[in-house]
N, C-alpha and C. Protein backbone atom coordinates (compact mmCIF):
# COMPACT_ATOMS: atom_id res chain seq x y z
N MET A 1 80.39 87.83 -9.59
CA MET A 1 81.00 88.86 -10.97
C MET A 1 81.65 88.10 -11.41
N ALA A 2 81.57 88.43 -13.09
CA ALA A 2 81.60 87.30 -14.28
C ALA A 2 83.60 87.57 -14.49
N LYS A 3 83.86 86.39 -14.86
CA LYS A 3 85.41 86.47 -14.99
C LYS A 3 85.26 87.48 -16.78
N ARG A 4 86.24 88.56 -16.72
CA ARG A 4 86.07 88.86 -17.86
C ARG A 4 87.47 89.18 -19.00
N THR A 5 88.79 89.14 -17.86
CA THR A 5 90.24 89.05 -18.40
C THR A 5 90.11 87.28 -19.03
N ALA A 6 91.49 87.66 -20.08
CA ALA A 6 91.93 86.21 -20.95
C ALA A 6 92.15 85.80 -20.11
N SER A 7 93.24 85.73 -18.89
CA SER A 7 93.84 85.29 -18.14
C SER A 7 92.77 84.19 -17.38
N ALA A 8 92.02 85.01 -16.71
CA ALA A 8 91.04 84.40 -15.87
C ALA A 8 90.44 83.75 -16.94
N LYS A 9 89.89 83.94 -17.95
CA LYS A 9 88.71 82.65 -18.52
C LYS A 9 90.10 81.55 -18.95
N LYS A 10 91.29 81.93 -19.28
CA LYS A 10 92.13 80.94 -19.61
C LYS A 10 92.58 79.61 -18.05
N GLN A 11 92.37 80.70 -17.39
CA GLN A 11 92.31 79.83 -15.81
C GLN A 11 91.15 78.80 -15.27
N ALA A 12 90.30 79.44 -15.43
CA ALA A 12 89.19 78.33 -15.59
C ALA A 12 89.03 77.41 -16.48
N ARG A 13 89.21 77.37 -17.65
CA ARG A 13 89.82 76.12 -18.10
C ARG A 13 90.48 75.22 -18.39
N ALA A 14 91.27 75.82 -17.41
CA ALA A 14 92.87 75.16 -16.68
C ALA A 14 92.17 74.17 -15.56
N SER A 15 91.49 75.43 -14.82
CA SER A 15 90.76 74.38 -13.77
C SER A 15 89.93 72.97 -13.62
N VAL A 16 89.50 73.16 -14.48
CA VAL A 16 88.06 72.54 -15.53
C VAL A 16 88.91 71.25 -15.79
N ARG A 17 90.10 71.20 -16.30
CA ARG A 17 90.76 70.37 -17.16
C ARG A 17 91.45 69.56 -16.00
N ARG A 18 92.45 70.53 -14.84
CA ARG A 18 92.97 69.81 -13.88
C ARG A 18 92.07 68.63 -13.16
N SER A 19 90.96 69.48 -12.31
CA SER A 19 89.56 69.34 -11.73
C SER A 19 88.91 67.78 -12.39
N ILE A 20 88.77 67.51 -13.39
CA ILE A 20 88.34 66.39 -14.43
C ILE A 20 89.22 64.86 -14.12
N ARG A 21 90.75 65.61 -14.53
CA ARG A 21 92.07 64.72 -14.63
C ARG A 21 92.18 64.17 -12.87
N ASN A 22 92.32 65.20 -12.05
CA ASN A 22 92.21 64.63 -10.42
C ASN A 22 91.43 63.56 -10.07
N ARG A 23 90.15 63.90 -10.34
CA ARG A 23 88.87 63.26 -10.21
C ARG A 23 89.22 61.48 -10.25
N ALA A 24 89.87 61.47 -12.13
CA ALA A 24 89.68 60.59 -12.35
C ALA A 24 91.32 59.13 -11.71
N VAL A 25 92.43 60.40 -11.35
CA VAL A 25 92.95 59.76 -10.16
C VAL A 25 92.69 59.56 -8.94
N ARG A 26 91.61 60.42 -8.31
CA ARG A 26 91.16 59.51 -7.09
C ARG A 26 90.42 58.30 -7.38
N SER A 27 89.68 58.14 -7.90
CA SER A 27 89.34 57.61 -8.58
C SER A 27 89.53 56.16 -8.26
N GLU A 28 91.04 56.48 -9.07
CA GLU A 28 91.85 54.60 -9.37
C GLU A 28 92.32 54.39 -8.28
N VAL A 29 92.69 55.82 -7.19
CA VAL A 29 93.84 55.28 -6.14
C VAL A 29 92.41 54.07 -5.31
N LYS A 30 91.22 55.24 -5.38
CA LYS A 30 90.36 54.54 -4.38
C LYS A 30 89.75 53.21 -4.77
N THR A 31 89.83 52.82 -6.06
CA THR A 31 89.38 51.70 -6.79
C THR A 31 90.50 50.21 -6.00
N LYS A 32 91.65 50.94 -6.45
CA LYS A 32 92.92 49.85 -6.04
C LYS A 32 93.19 49.73 -4.14
N ILE A 33 92.73 50.34 -3.74
CA ILE A 33 92.39 50.77 -2.08
C ILE A 33 91.35 49.39 -1.56
N VAL A 34 90.33 49.66 -2.08
CA VAL A 34 89.86 48.98 -2.25
C VAL A 34 89.31 47.17 -2.49
N LYS A 35 90.23 47.30 -3.68
CA LYS A 35 90.09 45.43 -4.41
C LYS A 35 91.83 45.26 -3.51
N ALA A 36 92.69 45.89 -2.94
CA ALA A 36 93.78 45.46 -2.05
C ALA A 36 92.95 45.05 -0.68
N ARG A 37 92.03 45.64 0.10
CA ARG A 37 91.73 45.37 1.07
C ARG A 37 90.57 44.31 0.66
N ARG A 38 89.96 44.46 -0.14
CA ARG A 38 89.16 42.73 -0.98
C ARG A 38 90.17 41.69 -0.94
N SER A 39 91.28 41.62 -1.19
CA SER A 39 91.69 40.54 -1.42
C SER A 39 92.84 40.19 0.11
N LEU A 40 92.55 41.23 1.14
CA LEU A 40 92.86 40.54 2.37
C LEU A 40 91.78 39.70 3.14
N THR A 41 90.65 40.50 2.59
CA THR A 41 89.74 40.06 4.04
C THR A 41 88.98 38.73 3.09
N GLU A 42 89.01 38.89 1.77
CA GLU A 42 87.38 38.13 1.17
C GLU A 42 88.69 36.34 1.37
N ALA A 43 88.67 36.84 -0.50
CA ALA A 43 88.38 35.30 -0.48
C ALA A 43 90.34 35.26 -0.70
N PRO A 44 90.47 33.93 -0.87
CA PRO A 44 91.16 33.17 -0.60
C PRO A 44 92.83 33.46 -1.48
N VAL A 45 93.71 34.46 -1.55
CA VAL A 45 94.25 34.78 -2.95
C VAL A 45 95.34 34.13 -2.59
N ALA A 46 96.70 33.87 -3.48
CA ALA A 46 98.04 33.15 -3.08
C ALA A 46 98.73 35.00 -2.36
N GLU A 47 99.38 34.30 -1.78
CA GLU A 47 100.37 35.69 -0.78
C GLU A 47 101.13 36.37 -1.63
N SER A 48 101.47 35.58 -2.24
CA SER A 48 102.31 37.06 -3.49
C SER A 48 101.65 37.71 -4.23
N GLU A 49 100.31 37.46 -4.37
CA GLU A 49 99.02 38.01 -5.31
C GLU A 49 98.77 39.08 -4.52
N ARG A 50 98.60 38.92 -2.78
CA ARG A 50 97.66 39.79 -2.44
C ARG A 50 99.30 41.18 -1.78
N TYR A 51 99.94 40.36 -2.00
CA TYR A 51 101.24 42.01 -2.13
C TYR A 51 101.41 42.76 -3.04
N ALA A 52 101.12 42.03 -3.98
CA ALA A 52 101.25 42.69 -5.63
C ALA A 52 100.00 43.45 -5.66
N ILE A 53 98.39 43.25 -5.14
CA ILE A 53 97.67 44.24 -5.31
C ILE A 53 97.90 45.26 -4.21
N ALA A 54 98.55 44.86 -2.82
CA ALA A 54 98.12 46.06 -1.92
C ALA A 54 99.26 46.93 -2.37
N LEU A 55 100.99 46.45 -2.77
CA LEU A 55 101.84 47.20 -3.58
C LEU A 55 101.27 48.51 -4.86
N GLU A 56 100.47 47.66 -5.41
CA GLU A 56 99.79 48.28 -6.77
C GLU A 56 99.18 49.80 -5.76
N ALA A 57 98.37 49.12 -5.11
CA ALA A 57 97.75 50.58 -4.33
C ALA A 57 98.81 51.48 -4.00
N VAL A 58 99.78 50.93 -3.05
CA VAL A 58 100.51 52.01 -2.26
C VAL A 58 101.26 53.08 -3.15
N ARG A 59 102.07 52.22 -4.86
CA ARG A 59 102.33 53.03 -5.83
C ARG A 59 101.70 53.90 -6.45
N SER A 60 100.18 54.07 -6.41
CA SER A 60 99.05 54.28 -7.12
C SER A 60 98.90 55.81 -5.69
N LEU A 61 99.08 55.75 -4.79
CA LEU A 61 98.86 56.47 -3.35
C LEU A 61 99.99 57.67 -3.67
N ASP A 62 101.33 56.87 -3.56
CA ASP A 62 102.18 57.73 -4.18
C ASP A 62 102.43 58.82 -5.32
N ARG A 63 101.89 58.26 -6.03
CA ARG A 63 101.61 59.03 -7.23
C ARG A 63 100.80 60.20 -7.36
N ALA A 64 99.83 59.77 -6.62
CA ALA A 64 99.03 60.69 -6.09
C ALA A 64 99.17 61.66 -5.67
N ALA A 65 100.49 61.50 -4.38
CA ALA A 65 100.69 62.63 -3.50
C ALA A 65 101.68 63.40 -4.35
N SER A 66 102.79 62.50 -5.43
CA SER A 66 103.43 63.68 -5.87
C SER A 66 103.28 64.54 -6.48
N LYS A 67 102.07 63.95 -7.35
CA LYS A 67 101.36 64.89 -8.09
C LYS A 67 100.61 66.33 -7.66
N GLY A 68 100.56 65.89 -6.33
CA GLY A 68 99.99 66.89 -5.52
C GLY A 68 98.41 66.92 -5.83
N ILE A 69 97.37 65.69 -5.86
CA ILE A 69 96.45 65.12 -5.87
C ILE A 69 95.92 65.16 -4.78
N LEU A 70 96.84 64.76 -3.90
CA LEU A 70 96.36 63.86 -2.65
C LEU A 70 97.45 64.46 -1.70
N HIS A 71 97.42 65.30 -0.62
CA HIS A 71 98.22 65.81 0.39
C HIS A 71 98.90 64.26 0.50
N ARG A 72 100.38 64.58 1.10
CA ARG A 72 101.16 63.74 1.70
C ARG A 72 101.27 62.89 2.38
N ASN A 73 100.14 64.21 3.86
CA ASN A 73 99.93 63.02 4.56
C ASN A 73 98.91 62.01 4.24
N ASN A 74 97.62 62.43 3.88
CA ASN A 74 96.70 61.92 3.27
C ASN A 74 96.72 60.18 2.63
N ALA A 75 98.10 60.49 1.86
CA ALA A 75 98.70 59.41 1.17
C ALA A 75 99.24 58.36 2.84
N ALA A 76 99.94 58.83 3.10
CA ALA A 76 100.84 58.18 3.82
C ALA A 76 100.30 57.76 5.00
N ARG A 77 99.15 58.00 5.79
CA ARG A 77 97.97 57.61 6.84
C ARG A 77 97.02 56.27 5.67
N ARG A 78 96.95 56.44 4.72
CA ARG A 78 96.04 55.25 4.11
C ARG A 78 96.94 54.16 3.66
N LYS A 79 98.80 54.54 3.42
CA LYS A 79 99.62 53.48 3.05
C LYS A 79 99.78 52.96 3.96
N ALA A 80 99.68 53.39 5.50
CA ALA A 80 99.97 52.77 6.69
C ALA A 80 99.01 51.91 7.08
N ARG A 81 97.54 52.26 7.06
CA ARG A 81 96.48 51.22 7.44
C ARG A 81 96.62 49.96 6.76
N LEU A 82 96.34 50.30 5.19
CA LEU A 82 97.26 49.29 4.44
C LEU A 82 98.19 48.47 4.70
N THR A 83 98.85 48.69 4.96
CA THR A 83 100.50 47.74 5.37
C THR A 83 100.13 47.38 6.54
N ARG A 84 99.43 47.67 7.49
CA ARG A 84 98.61 47.47 8.96
C ARG A 84 97.76 46.25 8.57
N GLN A 85 96.86 46.22 7.71
CA GLN A 85 96.32 44.86 7.66
C GLN A 85 97.04 43.97 6.61
N LEU A 86 97.70 44.39 6.27
CA LEU A 86 98.65 43.27 5.31
C LEU A 86 99.40 42.28 5.72
N VAL A 87 100.20 43.27 7.09
CA VAL A 87 100.69 42.49 8.21
C VAL A 87 100.24 41.67 9.24
N LYS A 88 98.73 42.10 9.86
CA LYS A 88 98.35 41.51 10.35
C LYS A 88 97.68 40.23 9.87
N VAL A 89 96.94 40.25 8.62
CA VAL A 89 96.88 39.10 7.85
C VAL A 89 98.14 37.64 7.80
N GLY A 90 98.47 38.63 7.52
CA GLY A 90 100.02 37.72 7.22
C GLY A 90 100.50 37.84 5.69
N GLY A 91 100.77 39.07 5.02
CA GLY A 91 100.84 38.78 3.82
C GLY A 91 102.37 39.69 3.44
N MET A 92 102.89 40.17 4.60
CA MET A 92 104.14 40.88 4.44
C MET A 92 105.08 40.23 5.90
N PRO A 93 106.30 40.03 5.83
CA PRO A 93 106.87 40.44 7.09
C PRO A 93 106.14 41.69 7.87
N ALA A 94 106.73 42.24 9.00
CA ALA A 94 106.40 43.04 9.81
C ALA A 94 107.65 43.90 9.97
N ALA A 95 108.75 43.62 9.29
CA ALA A 95 109.74 44.45 9.51
C ALA A 95 110.23 45.38 8.55
N ALA A 96 109.46 44.76 7.02
CA ALA A 96 109.29 45.07 5.63
C ALA A 96 108.03 46.46 5.50
N GLY A 97 107.02 45.96 6.91
CA GLY A 97 105.82 47.27 6.71
C GLY A 97 106.20 48.19 7.53
N LYS A 98 107.36 48.56 8.02
CA LYS A 98 107.96 49.61 8.68
C LYS A 98 107.71 50.57 7.98
N ALA A 99 107.68 51.88 7.98
CA ALA A 99 108.12 52.93 6.96
C ALA A 99 109.79 53.23 7.64
N SER A 100 110.64 53.44 6.53
CA SER A 100 111.81 54.12 6.91
C SER A 100 112.07 55.07 6.74
N GLY A 101 111.07 55.99 6.24
CA GLY A 101 111.05 57.37 5.73
C GLY A 101 110.94 58.35 6.91
N LYS A 102 111.05 57.53 8.34
CA LYS A 102 110.49 58.55 9.35
C LYS A 102 111.42 59.84 9.93
N ARG A 103 111.09 60.78 10.13
CA ARG A 103 111.91 62.32 11.08
C ARG A 103 112.66 61.62 12.06
N GLY A 104 113.64 62.46 11.89
CA GLY A 104 114.27 62.13 13.51
C GLY A 104 115.79 61.19 13.14
N THR A 105 115.26 60.15 12.24
CA THR A 105 116.23 59.16 11.82
C THR A 105 117.31 59.41 10.65
N ALA A 106 117.98 59.66 11.01
CA ALA A 106 119.54 59.98 9.97
C ALA A 106 119.96 58.66 9.43
N PRO A 107 119.71 58.12 8.27
CA PRO A 107 120.51 57.14 7.60
C PRO A 107 122.08 56.71 7.96
N VAL A 108 122.41 55.89 8.58
CA VAL A 108 124.36 55.27 9.11
C VAL A 108 124.78 54.97 7.88
N PRO A 109 126.14 56.62 7.70
CA PRO A 109 126.35 56.29 6.37
C PRO A 109 127.76 55.03 6.60
N ALA A 110 127.52 54.47 5.23
CA ALA A 110 128.86 53.20 5.07
C ALA A 110 129.97 53.51 5.15
N ALA A 111 131.19 53.08 5.33
CA ALA A 111 132.48 53.03 5.80
C ALA A 111 133.03 53.47 4.52
N LYS A 112 133.92 54.18 4.71
CA LYS A 112 134.29 55.15 3.55
C LYS A 112 136.51 54.11 3.10
N ALA A 113 135.77 53.81 2.23
CA ALA A 113 136.75 52.74 1.26
C ALA A 113 138.38 54.26 1.63
N PRO A 114 139.31 53.28 1.87
CA PRO A 114 140.39 54.35 2.05
C PRO A 114 141.50 54.61 0.65
N ASP A 115 141.65 55.51 0.63
CA ASP A 115 142.53 56.67 -0.17
C ASP A 115 143.54 55.70 -0.60
N LYS A 116 144.06 55.94 -2.16
CA LYS A 116 145.25 55.28 -2.12
C LYS A 116 145.88 55.95 -1.74
N LYS A 117 146.19 57.22 -1.77
CA LYS A 117 147.11 58.41 -1.09
C LYS A 117 147.19 57.78 0.28
N THR A 118 146.18 57.52 0.94
CA THR A 118 146.56 57.57 2.37
C THR A 118 147.04 55.83 3.01
N ALA A 119 146.52 54.80 1.73
CA ALA A 119 146.92 53.67 2.11
C ALA A 119 148.53 53.60 1.76
N ALA A 120 148.72 54.45 0.56
CA ALA A 120 150.72 54.59 0.28
C ALA A 120 151.43 55.07 1.33
N LYS A 121 150.77 56.37 2.03
CA LYS A 121 151.46 56.80 2.85
C LYS A 121 151.52 55.90 4.65
N LYS A 122 150.82 55.24 4.49
CA LYS A 122 150.55 54.09 5.91
C LYS A 122 151.62 52.80 5.58
N LYS A 123 152.29 52.85 4.29
CA LYS A 123 152.98 51.27 3.84
C LYS A 123 154.31 51.76 4.33
């Protein structure tokens, strides 16, 4: 059945625009990941440059996930694989490679500074 209503036609046009944009972003992400993997495995590259290339790939994955172009778990999986490769090669310390945003681990709150009123009462 053909799309007849004006809103359906508009939605079809918007869908075409979105798919073109999403395809471009996905392609860019894949290109950056390939460049990062090549910098890790092939030619001798400075450690700082290797880290910068990998970081750029991670940023593009985050951006694509936040826009909804990639599923967040898909982006997380790709980032984990890339980070694991980077740590294996020795491009970054192992502690920095671990994700800190895991579920179930609440951040430890910092110690609160005492109020002026409380300090005055104690004196």
